[in-house]
Amino acid sequence: MSKAIHIHQCNGQGSHHWPFIDKYNAQGDITPPRILQALADSGSNQEILLALEIRHRAYYPDEYKLEENLRASVAYWRQWVEK
């Protein structure tokens, strides 16, 4: 059982490492309820770190929004997980 899981928004067409913001949440497949349900269904009773793995490549159109997108992603996930 893993004690840490990296998460990022993506879809079935690639592992994009998108931030969890409205623009990409509308296109992506990753939702907090599905992730948290899968963890609950695993039977694990240990604390698991969910680590954001969000990439802003040099050619990425929102590179200048890195900090803003990270803050928004954290706020999005905080709605679903304990602080």
PDB file of N, CA and C in Angstrom:
ATOM      1  N   MET A   1       0.846  -1.173   0.000  1.00  0.00           N
ATOM      2  CA  MET A   1       0.000   0.000   0.000  1.00  0.00           C
ATOM      3  C   MET A   1       0.892   1.238   0.000  1.00  0.00           C
ATOM      4  N   SER A   2       0.593   2.138  -0.887  1.00  0.00           N
ATOM      5  CA  SER A   2       1.363   3.374  -1.003  1.00  0.00           C
ATOM      6  C   SER A   2       0.944   4.366   0.073  1.00  0.00           C
ATOM      7  N   LYS A   3       1.908   5.055   0.636  1.00  0.00           N
ATOM      8  CA  LYS A   3       1.612   6.091   1.622  1.00  0.00           C
ATOM      9  C   LYS A   3       1.537   7.473   0.982  1.00  0.00           C
ATOM     10  N   ALA A   4       1.860   7.553  -0.315  1.00  0.00           N
ATOM     11  CA  ALA A   4       1.800   8.817  -1.048  1.00  0.00           C
ATOM     12  C   ALA A   4       1.332   8.539  -2.472  1.00  0.00           C
ATOM     13  N   ILE A   5       0.463   9.390  -2.950  1.00  0.00           N
ATOM     14  CA  ILE A   5      -0.063   9.265  -4.306  1.00  0.00           C
ATOM     15  C   ILE A   5       0.020  10.636  -4.950  1.00  0.00           C
ATOM     16  N   HIS A   6       0.609  10.700  -6.147  1.00  0.00           N
ATOM     17  CA  HIS A   6       0.638  11.984  -6.834  1.00  0.00           C
ATOM     18  C   HIS A   6      -0.616  12.105  -7.692  1.00  0.00           C
ATOM     19  N   ILE A   7      -1.143  13.297  -7.730  1.00  0.00           N
ATOM     20  CA  ILE A   7      -2.373  13.542  -8.494  1.00  0.00           C
ATOM     21  C   ILE A   7      -2.188  14.765  -9.378  1.00  0.00           C
ATOM     22  N   HIS A   8      -2.801  14.695 -10.535  1.00  0.00           N
ATOM     23  CA  HIS A   8      -2.832  15.830 -11.461  1.00  0.00           C
ATOM     24  C   HIS A   8      -4.026  15.622 -12.369  1.00  0.00           C
ATOM     25  N   GLN A   9      -4.512  16.694 -12.923  1.00  0.00           N
ATOM     26  CA  GLN A   9      -5.658  16.590 -13.827  1.00  0.00           C
ATOM     27  C   GLN A   9      -5.162  16.099 -15.178  1.00  0.00           C
ATOM     28  N   CYS A  10      -5.873  15.149 -15.761  1.00  0.00           N
ATOM     29  CA  CYS A  10      -5.526  14.607 -17.064  1.00  0.00           C
ATOM     30  C   CYS A  10      -6.784  14.003 -17.687  1.00  0.00           C
ATOM     31  N   ASN A  11      -6.639  13.516 -18.895  1.00  0.00           N
ATOM     32  CA  ASN A  11      -7.755  12.820 -19.544  1.00  0.00           C
ATOM     33  C   ASN A  11      -7.213  11.574 -20.224  1.00  0.00           C
ATOM     34  N   GLY A  12      -8.057  10.835 -20.868  1.00  0.00           N
ATOM     35  CA  GLY A  12      -7.653   9.590 -21.497  1.00  0.00           C
ATOM     36  C   GLY A  12      -6.737   9.753 -22.688  1.00  0.00           C
ATOM     37  N   GLN A  13      -6.460  10.987 -23.075  1.00  0.00           N
ATOM     38  CA  GLN A  13      -5.613  11.229 -24.240  1.00  0.00           C
ATOM     39  C   GLN A  13      -4.177  11.569 -23.867  1.00  0.00           C
ATOM     40  N   GLY A  14      -3.892  11.634 -22.568  1.00  0.00           N
ATOM     41  CA  GLY A  14      -2.523  11.926 -22.173  1.00  0.00           C
ATOM     42  C   GLY A  14      -2.415  12.228 -20.692  1.00  0.00           C
ATOM     43  N   SER A  15      -1.210  12.149 -20.191  1.00  0.00           N
ATOM     44  CA  SER A  15      -0.917  12.473 -18.799  1.00  0.00           C
ATOM     45  C   SER A  15      -0.412  13.910 -18.769  1.00  0.00           C
ATOM     46  N   HIS A  16      -1.340  14.839 -18.794  1.00  0.00           N
ATOM     47  CA  HIS A  16      -1.014  16.241 -19.034  1.00  0.00           C
ATOM     48  C   HIS A  16      -0.428  16.981 -17.836  1.00  0.00           C
ATOM     49  N   HIS A  17      -0.676  16.495 -16.631  1.00  0.00           N
ATOM     50  CA  HIS A  17      -0.239  17.198 -15.420  1.00  0.00           C
ATOM     51  C   HIS A  17      -0.847  18.593 -15.341  1.00  0.00           C
ATOM     52  N   TRP A  18      -2.117  18.685 -15.747  1.00  0.00           N
ATOM     53  CA  TRP A  18      -2.830  19.960 -15.676  1.00  0.00           C
ATOM     54  C   TRP A  18      -3.132  20.317 -14.226  1.00  0.00           C
ATOM     55  N   PRO A  19      -3.284  21.604 -13.946  1.00  0.00           N
ATOM     56  CA  PRO A  19      -3.751  22.016 -12.618  1.00  0.00           C
ATOM     57  C   PRO A  19      -5.239  21.718 -12.476  1.00  0.00           C
ATOM     58  N   PHE A  20      -5.710  21.722 -11.242  1.00  0.00           N
ATOM     59  CA  PHE A  20      -7.136  21.517 -10.968  1.00  0.00           C
ATOM     60  C   PHE A  20      -7.837  22.870 -10.947  1.00  0.00           C
ATOM     61  N   ILE A  21      -8.031  23.414 -12.154  1.00  0.00           N
ATOM     62  CA  ILE A  21      -8.752  24.675 -12.325  1.00  0.00           C
ATOM     63  C   ILE A  21      -9.920  24.409 -13.267  1.00  0.00           C
ATOM     64  N   ASP A  22     -10.895  25.303 -13.277  1.00  0.00           N
ATOM     65  CA  ASP A  22     -12.126  25.076 -14.042  1.00  0.00           C
ATOM     66  C   ASP A  22     -11.858  24.649 -15.485  1.00  0.00           C
ATOM     67  N   LYS A  23     -10.937  25.335 -16.146  1.00  0.00           N
ATOM     68  CA  LYS A  23     -10.639  25.051 -17.558  1.00  0.00           C
ATOM     69  C   LYS A  23     -10.281  23.581 -17.772  1.00  0.00           C
ATOM     70  N   TYR A  24      -9.436  23.034 -16.907  1.00  0.00           N
ATOM     71  CA  TYR A  24      -8.970  21.667 -17.086  1.00  0.00           C
ATOM     72  C   TYR A  24      -9.846  20.650 -16.364  1.00  0.00           C
ATOM     73  N   ASN A  25     -10.516  21.066 -15.314  1.00  0.00           N
ATOM     74  CA  ASN A  25     -11.452  20.142 -14.653  1.00  0.00           C
ATOM     75  C   ASN A  25     -12.586  19.775 -15.596  1.00  0.00           C
ATOM     76  N   ALA A  26     -12.980  20.706 -16.483  1.00  0.00           N
ATOM     77  CA  ALA A  26     -14.041  20.428 -17.454  1.00  0.00           C
ATOM     78  C   ALA A  26     -13.591  19.401 -18.496  1.00  0.00           C
ATOM     79  N   GLN A  27     -12.295  19.333 -18.774  1.00  0.00           N
ATOM     80  CA  GLN A  27     -11.751  18.405 -19.775  1.00  0.00           C
ATOM     81  C   GLN A  27     -11.227  17.116 -19.165  1.00  0.00           C
ATOM     82  N   GLY A  28     -10.903  17.171 -17.880  1.00  0.00           N
ATOM     83  CA  GLY A  28     -10.203  16.063 -17.241  1.00  0.00           C
ATOM     84  C   GLY A  28     -11.110  14.993 -16.665  1.00  0.00           C
ATOM     85  N   ASP A  29     -10.482  13.879 -16.325  1.00  0.00           N
ATOM     86  CA  ASP A  29     -11.186  12.722 -15.781  1.00  0.00           C
ATOM     87  C   ASP A  29     -11.047  12.584 -14.265  1.00  0.00           C
ATOM     88  N   ILE A  30     -10.168  13.352 -13.654  1.00  0.00           N
ATOM     89  CA  ILE A  30      -9.856  13.170 -12.242  1.00  0.00           C
ATOM     90  C   ILE A  30     -10.788  14.033 -11.387  1.00  0.00           C
ATOM     91  N   THR A  31     -11.537  13.372 -10.505  1.00  0.00           N
ATOM     92  CA  THR A  31     -12.415  14.091  -9.589  1.00  0.00           C
ATOM     93  C   THR A  31     -12.130  13.624  -8.163  1.00  0.00           C
ATOM     94  N   PRO A  32     -12.144  14.552  -7.211  1.00  0.00           N
ATOM     95  CA  PRO A  32     -11.894  14.150  -5.827  1.00  0.00           C
ATOM     96  C   PRO A  32     -12.812  13.030  -5.340  1.00  0.00           C
ATOM     97  N   PRO A  33     -14.123  13.068  -5.597  1.00  0.00           N
ATOM     98  CA  PRO A  33     -14.959  11.978  -5.092  1.00  0.00           C
ATOM     99  C   PRO A  33     -14.517  10.602  -5.602  1.00  0.00           C
ATOM    100  N   ARG A  34     -14.134  10.504  -6.856  1.00  0.00           N
ATOM    101  CA  ARG A  34     -13.703   9.209  -7.412  1.00  0.00           C
ATOM    102  C   ARG A  34     -12.397   8.743  -6.785  1.00  0.00           C
ATOM    103  N   ILE A  35     -11.462   9.665  -6.597  1.00  0.00           N
ATOM    104  CA  ILE A  35     -10.177   9.302  -5.989  1.00  0.00           C
ATOM    105  C   ILE A  35     -10.388   8.866  -4.545  1.00  0.00           C
ATOM    106  N   LEU A  36     -11.140   9.661  -3.803  1.00  0.00           N
ATOM    107  CA  LEU A  36     -11.354   9.358  -2.388  1.00  0.00           C
ATOM    108  C   LEU A  36     -12.149   8.072  -2.207  1.00  0.00           C
ATOM    109  N   GLN A  37     -13.089   7.798  -3.102  1.00  0.00           N
ATOM    110  CA  GLN A  37     -13.851   6.548  -3.029  1.00  0.00           C
ATOM    111  C   GLN A  37     -12.950   5.357  -3.322  1.00  0.00           C
ATOM    112  N   ALA A  38     -12.073   5.497  -4.294  1.00  0.00           N
ATOM    113  CA  ALA A  38     -11.136   4.406  -4.604  1.00  0.00           C
ATOM    114  C   ALA A  38     -10.230   4.119  -3.408  1.00  0.00           C
ATOM    115  N   LEU A  39      -9.788   5.168  -2.728  1.00  0.00           N
ATOM    116  CA  LEU A  39      -8.961   4.968  -1.541  1.00  0.00           C
ATOM    117  C   LEU A  39      -9.760   4.278  -0.433  1.00  0.00           C
ATOM    118  N   ALA A  40     -11.009   4.700  -0.245  1.00  0.00           N
ATOM    119  CA  ALA A  40     -11.857   4.072   0.773  1.00  0.00           C
ATOM    120  C   ALA A  40     -12.113   2.603   0.426  1.00  0.00           C
ATOM    121  N   ASP A  41     -12.367   2.337  -0.848  1.00  0.00           N
ATOM    122  CA  ASP A  41     -12.632   0.963  -1.286  1.00  0.00           C
ATOM    123  C   ASP A  41     -11.403   0.062  -1.165  1.00  0.00           C
ATOM    124  N   SER A  42     -10.220   0.663  -1.109  1.00  0.00           N
ATOM    125  CA  SER A  42      -8.993  -0.133  -1.015  1.00  0.00           C
ATOM    126  C   SER A  42      -8.851  -0.803   0.351  1.00  0.00           C
ATOM    127  N   GLY A  43      -9.620  -0.314   1.330  1.00  0.00           N
ATOM    128  CA  GLY A  43      -9.544  -0.885   2.665  1.00  0.00           C
ATOM    129  C   GLY A  43      -8.400  -0.335   3.503  1.00  0.00           C
ATOM    130  N   SER A  44      -7.681   0.607   2.973  1.00  0.00           N
ATOM    131  CA  SER A  44      -6.569   1.187   3.722  1.00  0.00           C
ATOM    132  C   SER A  44      -7.090   1.992   4.900  1.00  0.00           C
ATOM    133  N   ASN A  45      -6.443   1.837   6.027  1.00  0.00           N
ATOM    134  CA  ASN A  45      -6.823   2.645   7.188  1.00  0.00           C
ATOM    135  C   ASN A  45      -5.669   3.539   7.612  1.00  0.00           C
ATOM    136  N   GLN A  46      -4.697   3.704   6.718  1.00  0.00           N
ATOM    137  CA  GLN A  46      -3.558   4.567   7.023  1.00  0.00           C
ATOM    138  C   GLN A  46      -3.741   5.941   6.375  1.00  0.00           C
ATOM    139  N   GLU A  47      -3.026   6.905   6.885  1.00  0.00           N
ATOM    140  CA  GLU A  47      -3.031   8.238   6.288  1.00  0.00           C
ATOM    141  C   GLU A  47      -2.250   8.177   4.986  1.00  0.00           C
ATOM    142  N   ILE A  48      -2.795   8.779   3.942  1.00  0.00           N
ATOM    143  CA  ILE A  48      -2.156   8.772   2.629  1.00  0.00           C
ATOM    144  C   ILE A  48      -1.974  10.215   2.175  1.00  0.00           C
ATOM    145  N   LEU A  49      -0.768  10.545   1.771  1.00  0.00           N
ATOM    146  CA  LEU A  49      -0.456  11.871   1.260  1.00  0.00           C
ATOM    147  C   LEU A  49      -0.888  11.955  -0.192  1.00  0.00           C
ATOM    148  N   LEU A  50      -1.722  12.933  -0.518  1.00  0.00           N
ATOM    149  CA  LEU A  50      -2.058  13.216  -1.909  1.00  0.00           C
ATOM    150  C   LEU A  50      -1.208  14.409  -2.325  1.00  0.00           C
ATOM    151  N   ALA A  51      -0.245  14.181  -3.196  1.00  0.00           N
ATOM    152  CA  ALA A  51       0.698  15.218  -3.610  1.00  0.00           C
ATOM    153  C   ALA A  51       0.353  15.704  -5.006  1.00  0.00           C
ATOM    154  N   LEU A  52       0.177  16.997  -5.151  1.00  0.00           N
ATOM    155  CA  LEU A  52      -0.093  17.565  -6.469  1.00  0.00           C
ATOM    156  C   LEU A  52       1.155  17.476  -7.333  1.00  0.00           C
ATOM    157  N   GLU A  53       1.008  16.956  -8.539  1.00  0.00           N
ATOM    158  CA  GLU A  53       2.114  16.888  -9.497  1.00  0.00           C
ATOM    159  C   GLU A  53       1.676  17.641 -10.746  1.00  0.00           C
ATOM    160  N   ILE A  54       1.852  18.932 -10.671  1.00  0.00           N
ATOM    161  CA  ILE A  54       1.392  19.822 -11.739  1.00  0.00           C
ATOM    162  C   ILE A  54       2.614  20.406 -12.423  1.00  0.00           C
ATOM    163  N   ARG A  55       2.637  20.316 -13.731  1.00  0.00           N
ATOM    164  CA  ARG A  55       3.778  20.779 -14.515  1.00  0.00           C
ATOM    165  C   ARG A  55       3.391  21.983 -15.351  1.00  0.00           C
ATOM    166  N   HIS A  56       4.284  22.938 -15.426  1.00  0.00           N
ATOM    167  CA  HIS A  56       4.132  24.085 -16.321  1.00  0.00           C
ATOM    168  C   HIS A  56       5.404  24.143 -17.160  1.00  0.00           C
ATOM    169  N   ARG A  57       5.341  23.556 -18.313  1.00  0.00           N
ATOM    170  CA  ARG A  57       6.502  23.521 -19.202  1.00  0.00           C
ATOM    171  C   ARG A  57       6.739  24.899 -19.806  1.00  0.00           C
ATOM    172  N   ALA A  58       7.907  25.096 -20.360  1.00  0.00           N
ATOM    173  CA  ALA A  58       8.248  26.388 -20.961  1.00  0.00           C
ATOM    174  C   ALA A  58       7.269  26.758 -22.080  1.00  0.00           C
ATOM    175  N   TYR A  59       6.785  25.760 -22.820  1.00  0.00           N
ATOM    176  CA  TYR A  59       5.854  26.060 -23.911  1.00  0.00           C
ATOM    177  C   TYR A  59       4.399  26.109 -23.449  1.00  0.00           C
ATOM    178  N   TYR A  60       4.182  25.800 -22.203  1.00  0.00           N
ATOM    179  CA  TYR A  60       2.832  25.759 -21.640  1.00  0.00           C
ATOM    180  C   TYR A  60       2.240  27.167 -21.646  1.00  0.00           C
ATOM    181  N   PRO A  61       1.054  27.351 -22.178  1.00  0.00           N
ATOM    182  CA  PRO A  61       0.527  28.721 -22.309  1.00  0.00           C
ATOM    183  C   PRO A  61       0.258  29.435 -20.983  1.00  0.00           C
ATOM    184  N   ASP A  62       0.135  28.711 -19.902  1.00  0.00           N
ATOM    185  CA  ASP A  62      -0.152  29.343 -18.613  1.00  0.00           C
ATOM    186  C   ASP A  62       1.042  29.321 -17.676  1.00  0.00           C
ATOM    187  N   GLU A  63       2.244  29.228 -18.221  1.00  0.00           N
ATOM    188  CA  GLU A  63       3.435  29.105 -17.380  1.00  0.00           C
ATOM    189  C   GLU A  63       3.530  30.225 -16.344  1.00  0.00           C
ATOM    190  N   TYR A  64       3.175  31.423 -16.729  1.00  0.00           N
ATOM    191  CA  TYR A  64       3.258  32.576 -15.821  1.00  0.00           C
ATOM    192  C   TYR A  64       2.230  32.498 -14.694  1.00  0.00           C
ATOM    193  N   LYS A  65       1.305  31.567 -14.776  1.00  0.00           N
ATOM    194  CA  LYS A  65       0.268  31.414 -13.756  1.00  0.00           C
ATOM    195  C   LYS A  65       0.559  30.253 -12.803  1.00  0.00           C
ATOM    196  N   LEU A  66       1.803  29.815 -12.733  1.00  0.00           N
ATOM    197  CA  LEU A  66       2.144  28.647 -11.922  1.00  0.00           C
ATOM    198  C   LEU A  66       1.649  28.779 -10.487  1.00  0.00           C
ATOM    199  N   GLU A  67       2.034  29.840  -9.799  1.00  0.00           N
ATOM    200  CA  GLU A  67       1.631  29.988  -8.397  1.00  0.00           C
ATOM    201  C   GLU A  67       0.116  30.100  -8.262  1.00  0.00           C
ATOM    202  N   GLU A  68      -0.501  30.869  -9.123  1.00  0.00           N
ATOM    203  CA  GLU A  68      -1.966  31.024  -9.100  1.00  0.00           C
ATOM    204  C   GLU A  68      -2.662  29.672  -9.299  1.00  0.00           C
ATOM    205  N   ASN A  69      -2.186  28.881 -10.243  1.00  0.00           N
ATOM    206  CA  ASN A  69      -2.797  27.577 -10.522  1.00  0.00           C
ATOM    207  C   ASN A  69      -2.564  26.578  -9.391  1.00  0.00           C
ATOM    208  N   LEU A  70      -1.389  26.638  -8.763  1.00  0.00           N
ATOM    209  CA  LEU A  70      -1.138  25.762  -7.624  1.00  0.00           C
ATOM    210  C   LEU A  70      -2.053  26.120  -6.456  1.00  0.00           C
ATOM    211  N   ARG A  71      -2.198  27.397  -6.177  1.00  0.00           N
ATOM    212  CA  ARG A  71      -3.096  27.830  -5.096  1.00  0.00           C
ATOM    213  C   ARG A  71      -4.537  27.415  -5.377  1.00  0.00           C
ATOM    214  N   ALA A  72      -4.964  27.580  -6.623  1.00  0.00           N
ATOM    215  CA  ALA A  72      -6.326  27.196  -6.998  1.00  0.00           C
ATOM    216  C   ALA A  72      -6.519  25.688  -6.877  1.00  0.00           C
ATOM    217  N   SER A  73      -5.511  24.912  -7.238  1.00  0.00           N
ATOM    218  CA  SER A  73      -5.592  23.454  -7.142  1.00  0.00           C
ATOM    219  C   SER A  73      -5.695  23.012  -5.692  1.00  0.00           C
ATOM    220  N   VAL A  74      -4.910  23.632  -4.823  1.00  0.00           N
ATOM    221  CA  VAL A  74      -4.977  23.306  -3.393  1.00  0.00           C
ATOM    222  C   VAL A  74      -6.350  23.658  -2.844  1.00  0.00           C
ATOM    223  N   ALA A  75      -6.867  24.829  -3.193  1.00  0.00           N
ATOM    224  CA  ALA A  75      -8.197  25.240  -2.720  1.00  0.00           C
ATOM    225  C   ALA A  75      -9.269  24.266  -3.211  1.00  0.00           C
ATOM    226  N   TYR A  76      -9.149  23.816  -4.447  1.00  0.00           N
ATOM    227  CA  TYR A  76     -10.103  22.869  -5.009  1.00  0.00           C
ATOM    228  C   TYR A  76     -10.105  21.576  -4.206  1.00  0.00           C
ATOM    229  N   TRP A  77      -8.930  21.022  -3.921  1.00  0.00           N
ATOM    230  CA  TRP A  77      -8.840  19.756  -3.185  1.00  0.00           C
ATOM    231  C   TRP A  77      -9.219  19.918  -1.722  1.00  0.00           C
ATOM    232  N   ARG A  78      -8.999  21.083  -1.141  1.00  0.00           N
ATOM    233  CA  ARG A  78      -9.334  21.296   0.282  1.00  0.00           C
ATOM    234  C   ARG A  78     -10.826  21.165   0.530  1.00  0.00           C
ATOM    235  N   GLN A  79     -11.633  21.352  -0.478  1.00  0.00           N
ATOM    236  CA  GLN A  79     -13.072  21.157  -0.333  1.00  0.00           C
ATOM    237  C   GLN A  79     -13.405  19.706  -0.009  1.00  0.00           C
ATOM    238  N   TRP A  80     -12.502  18.803  -0.366  1.00  0.00           N
ATOM    239  CA  TRP A  80     -12.789  17.361  -0.297  1.00  0.00           C
ATOM    240  C   TRP A  80     -12.009  16.611   0.766  1.00  0.00           C
ATOM    241  N   VAL A  81     -10.866  17.141   1.178  1.00  0.00           N
ATOM    242  CA  VAL A  81     -10.027  16.407   2.124  1.00  0.00           C
ATOM    243  C   VAL A  81      -9.880  17.173   3.432  1.00  0.00           C
ATOM    244  N   GLU A  82      -9.549  16.461   4.468  1.00  0.00           N
ATOM    245  CA  GLU A  82      -9.335  17.089   5.772  1.00  0.00           C
ATOM    246  C   GLU A  82      -8.072  17.907   5.737  1.00  0.00           C
ATOM    247  N   LYS A  83      -8.081  18.997   6.473  1.00  0.00           N
ATOM    248  CA  LYS A  83      -6.911  19.874   6.532  1.00  0.00           C
ATOM    249  C   LYS A  83      -5.931  19.392   7.573  1.00  0.00           C
TER     250      LYS A  83
END
